[in-house]
All heavy atoms as atom14 arrays in JSON, in Angstrom:
{
  "sequence": "SSPCAPVGTFCAFQYPAYKGHIITMVACQTRDIPWNGSGSWINNQT",
  "atom14_mask": [
    [1, 1, 1, 1, 1, 1, 0, 0, 0, 0, 0, 0, 0, 0],
    [1, 1, 1, 1, 1, 1, 0, 0, 0, 0, 0, 0, 0, 0],
    [1, 1, 1, 1, 1, 1, 1, 0, 0, 0, 0, 0, 0, 0],
    [1, 1, 1, 1, 1, 1, 0, 0, 0, 0, 0, 0, 0, 0],
    [1, 1, 1, 1, 1, 0, 0, 0, 0, 0, 0, 0, 0, 0],
    [1, 1, 1, 1, 1, 1, 1, 0, 0, 0, 0, 0, 0, 0],
    [1, 1, 1, 1, 1, 1, 1, 0, 0, 0, 0, 0, 0, 0],
    [1, 1, 1, 1, 0, 0, 0, 0, 0, 0, 0, 0, 0, 0],
    [1, 1, 1, 1, 1, 1, 1, 0, 0, 0, 0, 0, 0, 0],
    [1, 1, 1, 1, 1, 1, 1, 1, 1, 1, 1, 0, 0, 0],
    [1, 1, 1, 1, 1, 1, 0, 0, 0, 0, 0, 0, 0, 0],
    [1, 1, 1, 1, 1, 0, 0, 0, 0, 0, 0, 0, 0, 0],
    [1, 1, 1, 1, 1, 1, 1, 1, 1, 1, 1, 0, 0, 0],
    [1, 1, 1, 1, 1, 1, 1, 1, 1, 0, 0, 0, 0, 0],
    [1, 1, 1, 1, 1, 1, 1, 1, 1, 1, 1, 1, 0, 0],
    [1, 1, 1, 1, 1, 1, 1, 0, 0, 0, 0, 0, 0, 0],
    [1, 1, 1, 1, 1, 0, 0, 0, 0, 0, 0, 0, 0, 0],
    [1, 1, 1, 1, 1, 1, 1, 1, 1, 1, 1, 1, 0, 0],
    [1, 1, 1, 1, 1, 1, 1, 1, 1, 0, 0, 0, 0, 0],
    [1, 1, 1, 1, 0, 0, 0, 0, 0, 0, 0, 0, 0, 0],
    [1, 1, 1, 1, 1, 1, 1, 1, 1, 1, 0, 0, 0, 0],
    [1, 1, 1, 1, 1, 1, 1, 1, 0, 0, 0, 0, 0, 0],
    [1, 1, 1, 1, 1, 1, 1, 1, 0, 0, 0, 0, 0, 0],
    [1, 1, 1, 1, 1, 1, 1, 0, 0, 0, 0, 0, 0, 0],
    [1, 1, 1, 1, 1, 1, 1, 1, 0, 0, 0, 0, 0, 0],
    [1, 1, 1, 1, 1, 1, 1, 0, 0, 0, 0, 0, 0, 0],
    [1, 1, 1, 1, 1, 0, 0, 0, 0, 0, 0, 0, 0, 0],
    [1, 1, 1, 1, 1, 1, 0, 0, 0, 0, 0, 0, 0, 0],
    [1, 1, 1, 1, 1, 1, 1, 1, 1, 0, 0, 0, 0, 0],
    [1, 1, 1, 1, 1, 1, 1, 0, 0, 0, 0, 0, 0, 0],
    [1, 1, 1, 1, 1, 1, 1, 1, 1, 1, 1, 0, 0, 0],
    [1, 1, 1, 1, 1, 1, 1, 1, 0, 0, 0, 0, 0, 0],
    [1, 1, 1, 1, 1, 1, 1, 1, 0, 0, 0, 0, 0, 0],
    [1, 1, 1, 1, 1, 1, 1, 0, 0, 0, 0, 0, 0, 0],
    [1, 1, 1, 1, 1, 1, 1, 1, 1, 1, 1, 1, 1, 1],
    [1, 1, 1, 1, 1, 1, 1, 1, 0, 0, 0, 0, 0, 0],
    [1, 1, 1, 1, 0, 0, 0, 0, 0, 0, 0, 0, 0, 0],
    [1, 1, 1, 1, 1, 1, 0, 0, 0, 0, 0, 0, 0, 0],
    [1, 1, 1, 1, 0, 0, 0, 0, 0, 0, 0, 0, 0, 0],
    [1, 1, 1, 1, 1, 1, 0, 0, 0, 0, 0, 0, 0, 0],
    [1, 1, 1, 1, 1, 1, 1, 1, 1, 1, 1, 1, 1, 1],
    [1, 1, 1, 1, 1, 1, 1, 1, 0, 0, 0, 0, 0, 0],
    [1, 1, 1, 1, 1, 1, 1, 1, 0, 0, 0, 0, 0, 0],
    [1, 1, 1, 1, 1, 1, 1, 1, 0, 0, 0, 0, 0, 0],
    [1, 1, 1, 1, 1, 1, 1, 1, 1, 0, 0, 0, 0, 0],
    [1, 1, 1, 1, 1, 1, 1, 0, 0, 0, 0, 0, 0, 0]
  ],
  "atom14_positions": [
    [[-1.57, 1.16, -10.11], [-2.51, 1.89, -9.3], [-3.81, 1.11, -9.03], [-4.56, 1.47, -8.16], [-2.85, 3.21, -9.98], [-3.46, 2.97, -11.23], [0.0, 0.0, 0.0], [0.0, 0.0, 0.0], [0.0, 0.0, 0.0], [0.0, 0.0, 0.0], [0.0, 0.0, 0.0], [0.0, 0.0, 0.0], [0.0, 0.0, 0.0], [0.0, 0.0, 0.0]],
    [[-4.1, 0.05, -9.77], [-5.41, -0.59, -9.68], [-5.77, -1.1, -8.29], [-6.92, -0.97, -7.89], [-5.56, -1.66, -10.73], [-4.7, -2.74, -10.52], [0.0, 0.0, 0.0], [0.0, 0.0, 0.0], [0.0, 0.0, 0.0], [0.0, 0.0, 0.0], [0.0, 0.0, 0.0], [0.0, 0.0, 0.0], [0.0, 0.0, 0.0], [0.0, 0.0, 0.0]],
    [[-4.89, -1.7, -7.49], [-5.31, -2.16, -6.18], [-5.67, -1.0, -5.24], [-6.37, -1.18, -4.26], [-4.11, -2.94, -5.62], [-3.26, -3.21, -6.79], [-3.53, -2.15, -7.8], [0.0, 0.0, 0.0], [0.0, 0.0, 0.0], [0.0, 0.0, 0.0], [0.0, 0.0, 0.0], [0.0, 0.0, 0.0], [0.0, 0.0, 0.0], [0.0, 0.0, 0.0]],
    [[-5.18, 0.2, -5.56], [-5.42, 1.36, -4.73], [-6.42, 2.29, -5.31], [-6.64, 3.39, -4.79], [-4.11, 2.1, -4.5], [-2.92, 1.12, -3.61], [0.0, 0.0, 0.0], [0.0, 0.0, 0.0], [0.0, 0.0, 0.0], [0.0, 0.0, 0.0], [0.0, 0.0, 0.0], [0.0, 0.0, 0.0], [0.0, 0.0, 0.0], [0.0, 0.0, 0.0]],
    [[-7.02, 1.92, -6.44], [-7.98, 2.83, -7.13], [-9.24, 3.05, -6.3], [-9.73, 4.16, -6.29], [-8.32, 2.3, -8.5], [0.0, 0.0, 0.0], [0.0, 0.0, 0.0], [0.0, 0.0, 0.0], [0.0, 0.0, 0.0], [0.0, 0.0, 0.0], [0.0, 0.0, 0.0], [0.0, 0.0, 0.0], [0.0, 0.0, 0.0], [0.0, 0.0, 0.0]],
    [[-9.79, 2.05, -5.64], [-11.01, 2.36, -4.89], [-10.71, 3.31, -3.73], [-9.75, 3.09, -2.96], [-11.48, 1.02, -4.36], [-10.66, -0.02, -5.04], [-9.44, 0.66, -5.56], [0.0, 0.0, 0.0], [0.0, 0.0, 0.0], [0.0, 0.0, 0.0], [0.0, 0.0, 0.0], [0.0, 0.0, 0.0], [0.0, 0.0, 0.0], [0.0, 0.0, 0.0]],
    [[-11.52, 4.39, -3.61], [-11.36, 5.27, -2.45], [-11.6, 4.44, -1.2], [-12.49, 3.6, -1.14], [-12.34, 6.45, -2.53], [-12.31, 7.27, -1.24], [-12.0, 7.34, -3.73], [0.0, 0.0, 0.0], [0.0, 0.0, 0.0], [0.0, 0.0, 0.0], [0.0, 0.0, 0.0], [0.0, 0.0, 0.0], [0.0, 0.0, 0.0], [0.0, 0.0, 0.0]],
    [[-10.78, 4.63, -0.2], [-10.85, 3.91, 1.05], [-9.75, 2.92, 1.22], [-9.75, 2.1, 2.12], [0.0, 0.0, 0.0], [0.0, 0.0, 0.0], [0.0, 0.0, 0.0], [0.0, 0.0, 0.0], [0.0, 0.0, 0.0], [0.0, 0.0, 0.0], [0.0, 0.0, 0.0], [0.0, 0.0, 0.0], [0.0, 0.0, 0.0], [0.0, 0.0, 0.0]],
    [[-8.71, 3.0, 0.32], [-7.63, 2.03, 0.33], [-6.29, 2.68, 0.62], [-5.99, 3.75, 0.11], [-7.55, 1.33, -1.03], [-8.81, 0.78, -1.36], [-6.51, 0.23, -1.05], [0.0, 0.0, 0.0], [0.0, 0.0, 0.0], [0.0, 0.0, 0.0], [0.0, 0.0, 0.0], [0.0, 0.0, 0.0], [0.0, 0.0, 0.0], [0.0, 0.0, 0.0]],
    [[-5.49, 2.06, 1.45], [-4.09, 2.4, 1.65], [-3.26, 1.26, 1.08], [-3.55, 0.1, 1.4], [-3.75, 2.62, 3.12], [-2.29, 2.94, 3.34], [-1.84, 4.26, 3.3], [-1.35, 1.94, 3.56], [-0.52, 4.56, 3.48], [-0.04, 2.24, 3.73], [0.43, 3.56, 3.69], [0.0, 0.0, 0.0], [0.0, 0.0, 0.0], [0.0, 0.0, 0.0]],
    [[-2.24, 1.57, 0.28], [-1.39, 0.54, -0.29], [0.08, 0.75, 0.06], [0.59, 1.89, -0.09], [-1.49, 0.52, -1.83], [-3.07, -0.09, -2.41], [0.0, 0.0, 0.0], [0.0, 0.0, 0.0], [0.0, 0.0, 0.0], [0.0, 0.0, 0.0], [0.0, 0.0, 0.0], [0.0, 0.0, 0.0], [0.0, 0.0, 0.0], [0.0, 0.0, 0.0]],
    [[0.73, -0.29, 0.53], [2.16, -0.26, 0.77], [2.8, -1.15, -0.29], [2.44, -2.31, -0.47], [2.47, -0.84, 2.14], [0.0, 0.0, 0.0], [0.0, 0.0, 0.0], [0.0, 0.0, 0.0], [0.0, 0.0, 0.0], [0.0, 0.0, 0.0], [0.0, 0.0, 0.0], [0.0, 0.0, 0.0], [0.0, 0.0, 0.0], [0.0, 0.0, 0.0]],
    [[3.76, -0.57, -1.05], [4.43, -1.29, -2.11], [5.85, -1.64, -1.67], [6.53, -0.83, -1.05], [4.53, -0.39, -3.37], [3.18, -0.07, -3.97], [2.42, 0.95, -3.49], [2.7, -0.85, -5.04], [1.18, 1.25, -4.05], [1.48, -0.55, -5.6], [0.7, 0.5, -5.12], [0.0, 0.0, 0.0], [0.0, 0.0, 0.0], [0.0, 0.0, 0.0]],
    [[6.28, -2.81, -2.03], [7.59, -3.31, -1.64], [8.73, -2.42, -2.19], [9.71, -2.22, -1.5], [7.75, -4.74, -2.18], [9.06, -5.39, -1.84], [9.16, -6.79, -2.48], [8.47, -7.12, -3.44], [10.01, -7.61, -1.88], [0.0, 0.0, 0.0], [0.0, 0.0, 0.0], [0.0, 0.0, 0.0], [0.0, 0.0, 0.0], [0.0, 0.0, 0.0]],
    [[8.59, -1.93, -3.39], [9.67, -1.18, -4.05], [9.25, 0.23, -4.44], [8.02, 0.52, -4.49], [10.16, -1.9, -5.28], [10.72, -3.28, -5.02], [10.22, -4.39, -5.69], [11.75, -3.47, -4.1], [10.73, -5.67, -5.47], [12.28, -4.73, -3.88], [11.78, -5.82, -4.52], [12.26, -7.08, -4.3], [0.0, 0.0, 0.0], [0.0, 0.0, 0.0]],
    [[10.19, 1.1, -4.74], [9.83, 2.46, -5.22], [9.01, 2.4, -6.5], [8.99, 1.36, -7.2], [11.17, 3.14, -5.47], [12.16, 2.37, -4.67], [11.63, 0.97, -4.63], [0.0, 0.0, 0.0], [0.0, 0.0, 0.0], [0.0, 0.0, 0.0], [0.0, 0.0, 0.0], [0.0, 0.0, 0.0], [0.0, 0.0, 0.0], [0.0, 0.0, 0.0]],
    [[8.41, 3.52, -6.83], [7.6, 3.65, -8.06], [6.44, 2.7, -8.12], [6.01, 2.26, -9.18], [8.5, 3.56, -9.31], [0.0, 0.0, 0.0], [0.0, 0.0, 0.0], [0.0, 0.0, 0.0], [0.0, 0.0, 0.0], [0.0, 0.0, 0.0], [0.0, 0.0, 0.0], [0.0, 0.0, 0.0], [0.0, 0.0, 0.0], [0.0, 0.0, 0.0]],
    [[5.91, 2.32, -6.93], [4.69, 1.5, -6.84], [4.86, 0.11, -7.49], [3.99, -0.33, -8.24], [3.47, 2.23, -7.4], [3.46, 3.68, -6.94], [3.62, 4.72, -7.83], [3.34, 3.99, -5.59], [3.63, 6.05, -7.41], [3.37, 5.32, -5.14], [3.53, 6.33, -6.08], [3.56, 7.64, -5.63], [0.0, 0.0, 0.0], [0.0, 0.0, 0.0]],
    [[6.0, -0.51, -7.22], [6.33, -1.8, -7.81], [6.5, -2.87, -6.74], [6.69, -2.57, -5.57], [7.6, -1.71, -8.63], [7.43, -0.82, -9.86], [8.7, -0.7, -10.67], [8.48, 0.18, -11.85], [9.72, 0.38, -12.62], [0.0, 0.0, 0.0], [0.0, 0.0, 0.0], [0.0, 0.0, 0.0], [0.0, 0.0, 0.0], [0.0, 0.0, 0.0]],
    [[6.49, -4.11, -7.15], [6.71, -5.24, -6.28], [5.44, -5.71, -5.6], [4.34, -5.39, -6.06], [0.0, 0.0, 0.0], [0.0, 0.0, 0.0], [0.0, 0.0, 0.0], [0.0, 0.0, 0.0], [0.0, 0.0, 0.0], [0.0, 0.0, 0.0], [0.0, 0.0, 0.0], [0.0, 0.0, 0.0], [0.0, 0.0, 0.0], [0.0, 0.0, 0.0]],
    [[5.58, -6.42, -4.51], [4.44, -6.89, -3.74], [3.65, -5.7, -3.17], [4.22, -4.63, -2.95], [4.85, -7.77, -2.58], [5.81, -8.91, -2.94], [5.77, -9.59, -4.13], [6.81, -9.45, -2.22], [6.71, -10.53, -4.15], [7.36, -10.45, -2.98], [0.0, 0.0, 0.0], [0.0, 0.0, 0.0], [0.0, 0.0, 0.0], [0.0, 0.0, 0.0]],
    [[2.38, -5.93, -2.96], [1.52, -4.84, -2.45], [0.69, -5.37, -1.26], [0.13, -6.45, -1.34], [0.51, -4.38, -3.52], [1.22, -4.0, -4.83], [-0.33, -3.19, -3.0], [0.26, -3.82, -5.99], [0.0, 0.0, 0.0], [0.0, 0.0, 0.0], [0.0, 0.0, 0.0], [0.0, 0.0, 0.0], [0.0, 0.0, 0.0], [0.0, 0.0, 0.0]],
    [[0.63, -4.57, -0.23], [-0.31, -4.79, 0.89], [-1.35, -3.7, 0.8], [-1.02, -2.52, 0.79], [0.4, -4.74, 2.27], [1.36, -5.91, 2.41], [-0.66, -4.78, 3.4], [2.21, -5.88, 3.65], [0.0, 0.0, 0.0], [0.0, 0.0, 0.0], [0.0, 0.0, 0.0], [0.0, 0.0, 0.0], [0.0, 0.0, 0.0], [0.0, 0.0, 0.0]],
    [[-2.63, -4.13, 0.69], [-3.7, -3.15, 0.67], [-4.47, -3.25, 1.96], [-4.66, -4.35, 2.52], [-4.7, -3.4, -0.52], [-5.32, -4.65, -0.35], [-3.96, -3.34, -1.88], [0.0, 0.0, 0.0], [0.0, 0.0, 0.0], [0.0, 0.0, 0.0], [0.0, 0.0, 0.0], [0.0, 0.0, 0.0], [0.0, 0.0, 0.0], [0.0, 0.0, 0.0]],
    [[-4.91, -2.12, 2.47], [-5.67, -2.05, 3.68], [-6.94, -1.25, 3.42], [-6.86, -0.1, 2.96], [-4.84, -1.4, 4.8], [-3.54, -2.15, 5.08], [-2.31, -1.19, 6.02], [-3.11, -1.0, 7.58], [0.0, 0.0, 0.0], [0.0, 0.0, 0.0], [0.0, 0.0, 0.0], [0.0, 0.0, 0.0], [0.0, 0.0, 0.0], [0.0, 0.0, 0.0]],
    [[-8.11, -1.82, 3.72], [-9.37, -1.07, 3.57], [-10.06, -0.87, 4.88], [-10.68, 0.16, 5.07], [-10.28, -1.77, 2.53], [-9.72, -1.65, 1.12], [-10.56, -3.19, 2.87], [0.0, 0.0, 0.0], [0.0, 0.0, 0.0], [0.0, 0.0, 0.0], [0.0, 0.0, 0.0], [0.0, 0.0, 0.0], [0.0, 0.0, 0.0], [0.0, 0.0, 0.0]],
    [[-10.02, -1.81, 5.79], [-10.61, -1.65, 7.08], [-9.56, -0.99, 8.01], [-8.36, -1.14, 7.8], [-11.01, -3.01, 7.67], [0.0, 0.0, 0.0], [0.0, 0.0, 0.0], [0.0, 0.0, 0.0], [0.0, 0.0, 0.0], [0.0, 0.0, 0.0], [0.0, 0.0, 0.0], [0.0, 0.0, 0.0], [0.0, 0.0, 0.0], [0.0, 0.0, 0.0]],
    [[-10.01, -0.28, 9.0], [-9.14, 0.35, 9.96], [-8.36, -0.74, 10.72], [-8.97, -1.57, 11.36], [-9.94, 1.2, 10.92], [-8.93, 2.18, 12.02], [0.0, 0.0, 0.0], [0.0, 0.0, 0.0], [0.0, 0.0, 0.0], [0.0, 0.0, 0.0], [0.0, 0.0, 0.0], [0.0, 0.0, 0.0], [0.0, 0.0, 0.0], [0.0, 0.0, 0.0]],
    [[-7.07, -0.77, 10.58], [-6.23, -1.81, 11.16], [-4.79, -1.42, 11.22], [-4.35, -0.41, 10.64], [-6.37, -3.08, 10.32], [-5.83, -2.92, 8.89], [-6.01, -4.15, 8.06], [-5.32, -5.16, 8.28], [-6.93, -4.13, 7.12], [0.0, 0.0, 0.0], [0.0, 0.0, 0.0], [0.0, 0.0, 0.0], [0.0, 0.0, 0.0], [0.0, 0.0, 0.0]],
    [[-3.99, -2.2, 11.93], [-2.55, -2.04, 11.95], [-1.99, -3.33, 11.31], [-2.4, -4.43, 11.68], [-2.03, -1.88, 13.42], [-2.6, -0.69, 13.94], [-0.53, -1.77, 13.41], [0.0, 0.0, 0.0], [0.0, 0.0, 0.0], [0.0, 0.0, 0.0], [0.0, 0.0, 0.0], [0.0, 0.0, 0.0], [0.0, 0.0, 0.0], [0.0, 0.0, 0.0]],
    [[-1.12, -3.16, 10.34], [-0.59, -4.29, 9.58], [0.91, -4.26, 9.62], [1.53, -3.18, 9.51], [-1.13, -4.19, 8.16], [-0.67, -5.21, 7.19], [-1.19, -6.59, 7.31], [-2.56, -6.8, 7.7], [-2.99, -7.81, 8.43], [-2.14, -8.72, 8.87], [-4.25, -7.94, 8.74], [0.0, 0.0, 0.0], [0.0, 0.0, 0.0], [0.0, 0.0, 0.0]],
    [[1.55, -5.42, 9.76], [3.0, -5.55, 9.69], [3.48, -5.24, 8.29], [2.85, -5.63, 7.31], [3.46, -6.95, 10.06], [3.29, -7.28, 11.51], [3.1, -6.33, 12.35], [3.29, -8.49, 11.87], [0.0, 0.0, 0.0], [0.0, 0.0, 0.0], [0.0, 0.0, 0.0], [0.0, 0.0, 0.0], [0.0, 0.0, 0.0], [0.0, 0.0, 0.0]],
    [[4.62, -4.58, 8.19], [5.29, -4.33, 6.91], [6.49, -5.3, 6.89], [7.42, -5.12, 7.67], [5.71, -2.87, 6.77], [4.52, -1.95, 6.82], [6.49, -2.68, 5.46], [3.44, -2.15, 5.72], [0.0, 0.0, 0.0], [0.0, 0.0, 0.0], [0.0, 0.0, 0.0], [0.0, 0.0, 0.0], [0.0, 0.0, 0.0], [0.0, 0.0, 0.0]],
    [[6.48, -6.27, 6.01], [7.47, -7.34, 6.04], [8.74, -7.11, 5.27], [9.53, -8.04, 5.07], [6.7, -8.54, 5.49], [5.82, -7.93, 4.48], [5.42, -6.58, 5.03], [0.0, 0.0, 0.0], [0.0, 0.0, 0.0], [0.0, 0.0, 0.0], [0.0, 0.0, 0.0], [0.0, 0.0, 0.0], [0.0, 0.0, 0.0], [0.0, 0.0, 0.0]],
    [[8.98, -5.9, 4.75], [10.19, -5.71, 3.94], [10.96, -4.48, 4.41], [10.46, -3.64, 5.18], [9.84, -5.61, 2.45], [8.64, -4.75, 2.15], [8.56, -3.38, 2.27], [7.37, -5.18, 1.69], [7.31, -2.95, 1.9], [6.56, -4.03, 1.55], [6.83, -6.43, 1.41], [5.23, -4.11, 1.14], [5.51, -6.48, 1.0], [4.73, -5.33, 0.85]],
    [[12.2, -4.38, 3.96], [13.11, -3.28, 4.28], [13.55, -2.6, 3.01], [13.38, -3.15, 1.94], [14.35, -3.8, 5.02], [14.02, -4.31, 6.4], [13.45, -3.59, 7.19], [14.42, -5.55, 6.7], [0.0, 0.0, 0.0], [0.0, 0.0, 0.0], [0.0, 0.0, 0.0], [0.0, 0.0, 0.0], [0.0, 0.0, 0.0], [0.0, 0.0, 0.0]],
    [[14.16, -1.43, 3.19], [14.72, -0.74, 2.03], [13.72, 0.23, 1.42], [12.66, 0.55, 1.99], [0.0, 0.0, 0.0], [0.0, 0.0, 0.0], [0.0, 0.0, 0.0], [0.0, 0.0, 0.0], [0.0, 0.0, 0.0], [0.0, 0.0, 0.0], [0.0, 0.0, 0.0], [0.0, 0.0, 0.0], [0.0, 0.0, 0.0], [0.0, 0.0, 0.0]],
    [[14.04, 0.67, 0.25], [13.23, 1.69, -0.46], [11.94, 1.03, -0.93], [11.9, -0.08, -1.42], [13.98, 2.22, -1.67], [15.12, 2.92, -1.25], [0.0, 0.0, 0.0], [0.0, 0.0, 0.0], [0.0, 0.0, 0.0], [0.0, 0.0, 0.0], [0.0, 0.0, 0.0], [0.0, 0.0, 0.0], [0.0, 0.0, 0.0], [0.0, 0.0, 0.0]],
    [[10.83, 1.79, -0.75], [9.53, 1.32, -1.18], [8.66, 2.52, -1.51], [9.18, 3.62, -1.75], [0.0, 0.0, 0.0], [0.0, 0.0, 0.0], [0.0, 0.0, 0.0], [0.0, 0.0, 0.0], [0.0, 0.0, 0.0], [0.0, 0.0, 0.0], [0.0, 0.0, 0.0], [0.0, 0.0, 0.0], [0.0, 0.0, 0.0], [0.0, 0.0, 0.0]],
    [[7.37, 2.33, -1.55], [6.45, 3.43, -1.85], [5.09, 3.14, -1.25], [4.85, 2.01, -0.8], [6.35, 3.62, -3.39], [6.13, 2.38, -4.03], [0.0, 0.0, 0.0], [0.0, 0.0, 0.0], [0.0, 0.0, 0.0], [0.0, 0.0, 0.0], [0.0, 0.0, 0.0], [0.0, 0.0, 0.0], [0.0, 0.0, 0.0], [0.0, 0.0, 0.0]],
    [[4.23, 4.13, -1.24], [2.87, 3.93, -0.73], [1.9, 4.92, -1.37], [2.31, 5.94, -1.89], [2.81, 4.06, 0.8], [3.41, 5.34, 1.34], [4.7, 5.52, 1.83], [2.78, 6.62, 1.49], [4.89, 6.81, 2.23], [3.7, 7.52, 2.04], [1.52, 7.11, 1.18], [3.42, 8.86, 2.29], [1.23, 8.43, 1.42], [2.15, 9.28, 2.0]],
    [[0.64, 4.53, -1.36], [-0.46, 5.4, -1.81], [-1.52, 5.41, -0.76], [-1.99, 4.36, -0.29], [-1.07, 4.87, -3.13], [-0.05, 4.95, -4.28], [-2.34, 5.66, -3.52], [-0.52, 4.32, -5.6], [0.0, 0.0, 0.0], [0.0, 0.0, 0.0], [0.0, 0.0, 0.0], [0.0, 0.0, 0.0], [0.0, 0.0, 0.0], [0.0, 0.0, 0.0]],
    [[-1.92, 6.6, -0.33], [-2.99, 6.77, 0.64], [-4.21, 7.3, -0.1], [-4.32, 8.49, -0.35], [-2.54, 7.78, 1.74], [-3.62, 7.97, 2.8], [-4.64, 7.31, 2.8], [-3.4, 8.93, 3.66], [0.0, 0.0, 0.0], [0.0, 0.0, 0.0], [0.0, 0.0, 0.0], [0.0, 0.0, 0.0], [0.0, 0.0, 0.0], [0.0, 0.0, 0.0]],
    [[-5.1, 6.39, -0.51], [-6.32, 6.77, -1.23], [-7.55, 6.47, -0.39], [-8.56, 5.98, -0.85], [-6.38, 6.0, -2.55], [-7.44, 6.55, -3.48], [-7.85, 7.73, -3.36], [-7.96, 5.74, -4.37], [0.0, 0.0, 0.0], [0.0, 0.0, 0.0], [0.0, 0.0, 0.0], [0.0, 0.0, 0.0], [0.0, 0.0, 0.0], [0.0, 0.0, 0.0]],
    [[-7.42, 6.8, 0.93], [-8.54, 6.59, 1.82], [-9.51, 7.75, 1.67], [-9.37, 8.59, 0.77], [-8.02, 6.47, 3.26], [-7.05, 5.27, 3.39], [-6.52, 5.15, 4.78], [-7.13, 4.49, 5.6], [-5.38, 5.81, 5.03], [0.0, 0.0, 0.0], [0.0, 0.0, 0.0], [0.0, 0.0, 0.0], [0.0, 0.0, 0.0], [0.0, 0.0, 0.0]],
    [[-10.5, 7.82, 2.52], [-11.41, 8.94, 2.42], [-10.66, 10.22, 2.61], [-9.65, 10.26, 3.35], [-12.56, 8.84, 3.46], [-11.99, 8.66, 4.76], [-13.46, 7.63, 3.17], [0.0, 0.0, 0.0], [0.0, 0.0, 0.0], [0.0, 0.0, 0.0], [0.0, 0.0, 0.0], [0.0, 0.0, 0.0], [0.0, 0.0, 0.0], [0.0, 0.0, 0.0]]
  ]
}
């Protein structure tokens, strides 16, 4: 959870249960998701 702990962060995790590589987004943007299959995400934005 640490990369997504600050409020204002969206995290996309490569695998389920918040595992694997992580893409974090803090500024308003559109970002490519480079993987397929089961994954997970945390929306800890405002």
